[in-house]
Amino acid sequence: AAAAVGLCVFMASFSVGWGPLAGVLLAEVFPLRIRGTAVGIGWSLNRLASGTVALWAR
C-alpha cells in the first residue's frame, strides 16, 4: 500500500513539475505550418524511447 501511495505522489508531482516540459517545448519550437506533424513525431519518439528504456532496463 505504501508503494502505491508513493507512486501516486510521484506521478502527481511529476505532472505538476517536469512532466509537461517536453510538450511545451515541442509546441513552441516548431513553426505553425509543421507544428502538428512535428509534435506528433516528437511524442511518438518520446514514447518509443521510454518504452525501450523500460524494457531494456529490466
C-alpha atoms as a PDB file:
ATOM      1  CA  ALA A   1       0.000   0.000   0.000  1.00  0.00           C
ATOM      2  CA  ALA A   2       2.854   2.380   0.799  1.00  0.00           C
ATOM      3  CA  ALA A   3       4.437   1.739  -2.595  1.00  0.00           C
ATOM      4  CA  ALA A   4       1.163   2.557  -4.370  1.00  0.00           C
ATOM      5  CA  VAL A   5       0.802   5.800  -2.413  1.00  0.00           C
ATOM      6  CA  GLY A   6       4.414   6.702  -3.179  1.00  0.00           C
ATOM      7  CA  LEU A   7       3.864   6.027  -6.869  1.00  0.00           C
ATOM      8  CA  CYS A   8       0.751   8.227  -6.902  1.00  0.00           C
ATOM      9  CA  VAL A   9       2.608  11.053  -5.149  1.00  0.00           C
ATOM     10  CA  PHE A  10       5.492  10.767  -7.620  1.00  0.00           C
ATOM     11  CA  MET A  11       3.163  10.811 -10.627  1.00  0.00           C
ATOM     12  CA  ALA A  12       1.235  13.809  -9.322  1.00  0.00           C
ATOM     13  CA  SER A  13       4.365  15.814  -8.538  1.00  0.00           C
ATOM     14  CA  PHE A  14       5.957  14.919 -11.893  1.00  0.00           C
ATOM     15  CA  SER A  15       2.826  16.063 -13.734  1.00  0.00           C
ATOM     16  CA  VAL A  16       2.958  19.416 -11.969  1.00  0.00           C
ATOM     17  CA  GLY A  17       6.736  19.858 -12.355  1.00  0.00           C
ATOM     18  CA  TRP A  18       8.910  18.471 -15.144  1.00  0.00           C
ATOM     19  CA  GLY A  19       6.286  16.305 -16.853  1.00  0.00           C
ATOM     20  CA  PRO A  20       4.732  18.801 -19.267  1.00  0.00           C
ATOM     21  CA  LEU A  21       8.059  20.413 -20.189  1.00  0.00           C
ATOM     22  CA  ALA A  22       8.639  18.230 -23.266  1.00  0.00           C
ATOM     23  CA  GLY A  23       5.180  19.019 -24.632  1.00  0.00           C
ATOM     24  CA  VAL A  24       5.562  22.738 -24.059  1.00  0.00           C
ATOM     25  CA  LEU A  25       8.969  22.820 -25.716  1.00  0.00           C
ATOM     26  CA  LEU A  26       7.779  20.793 -28.699  1.00  0.00           C
ATOM     27  CA  ALA A  27       4.767  23.047 -29.174  1.00  0.00           C
ATOM     28  CA  GLU A  28       6.823  26.248 -29.016  1.00  0.00           C
ATOM     29  CA  VAL A  29       9.866  25.318 -31.103  1.00  0.00           C
ATOM     30  CA  PHE A  30       8.277  24.496 -34.458  1.00  0.00           C
ATOM     31  CA  PRO A  31       6.544  26.919 -36.847  1.00  0.00           C
ATOM     32  CA  LEU A  32       2.767  26.677 -37.192  1.00  0.00           C
ATOM     33  CA  ARG A  33       2.771  25.042 -40.628  1.00  0.00           C
ATOM     34  CA  ILE A  34       4.600  21.917 -39.377  1.00  0.00           C
ATOM     35  CA  ARG A  35       3.785  22.058 -35.672  1.00  0.00           C
ATOM     36  CA  GLY A  36       1.128  19.323 -35.647  1.00  0.00           C
ATOM     37  CA  THR A  37       3.257  16.820 -37.531  1.00  0.00           C
ATOM     38  CA  ALA A  38       6.423  17.693 -35.623  1.00  0.00           C
ATOM     39  CA  VAL A  39       4.745  17.401 -32.222  1.00  0.00           C
ATOM     40  CA  GLY A  40       3.227  14.063 -33.232  1.00  0.00           C
ATOM     41  CA  ILE A  41       6.595  12.720 -34.332  1.00  0.00           C
ATOM     42  CA  GLY A  42       8.265  14.106 -31.220  1.00  0.00           C
ATOM     43  CA  TRP A  43       5.768  12.493 -28.853  1.00  0.00           C
ATOM     44  CA  SER A  44       5.965   9.206 -30.754  1.00  0.00           C
ATOM     45  CA  LEU A  45       9.745   9.175 -30.420  1.00  0.00           C
ATOM     46  CA  ASN A  46       9.421  10.101 -26.742  1.00  0.00           C
ATOM     47  CA  ARG A  47       7.075   7.186 -26.049  1.00  0.00           C
ATOM     48  CA  LEU A  48       9.198   4.792 -28.120  1.00  0.00           C
ATOM     49  CA  ALA A  49      12.333   5.765 -26.203  1.00  0.00           C
ATOM     50  CA  SER A  50      10.523   5.458 -22.859  1.00  0.00           C
ATOM     51  CA  GLY A  51       9.232   2.015 -23.767  1.00  0.00           C
ATOM     52  CA  THR A  52      12.649   0.897 -24.973  1.00  0.00           C
ATOM     53  CA  VAL A  53      14.299   2.019 -21.744  1.00  0.00           C
ATOM     54  CA  ALA A  54      11.587   0.352 -19.660  1.00  0.00           C
ATOM     55  CA  LEU A  55      12.040  -2.968 -21.469  1.00  0.00           C
ATOM     56  CA  TRP A  56      15.822  -2.782 -21.666  1.00  0.00           C
ATOM     57  CA  ALA A  57      16.424  -1.782 -18.032  1.00  0.00           C
ATOM     58  CA  ARG A  58      14.948  -4.930 -16.503  1.00  0.00           C
END
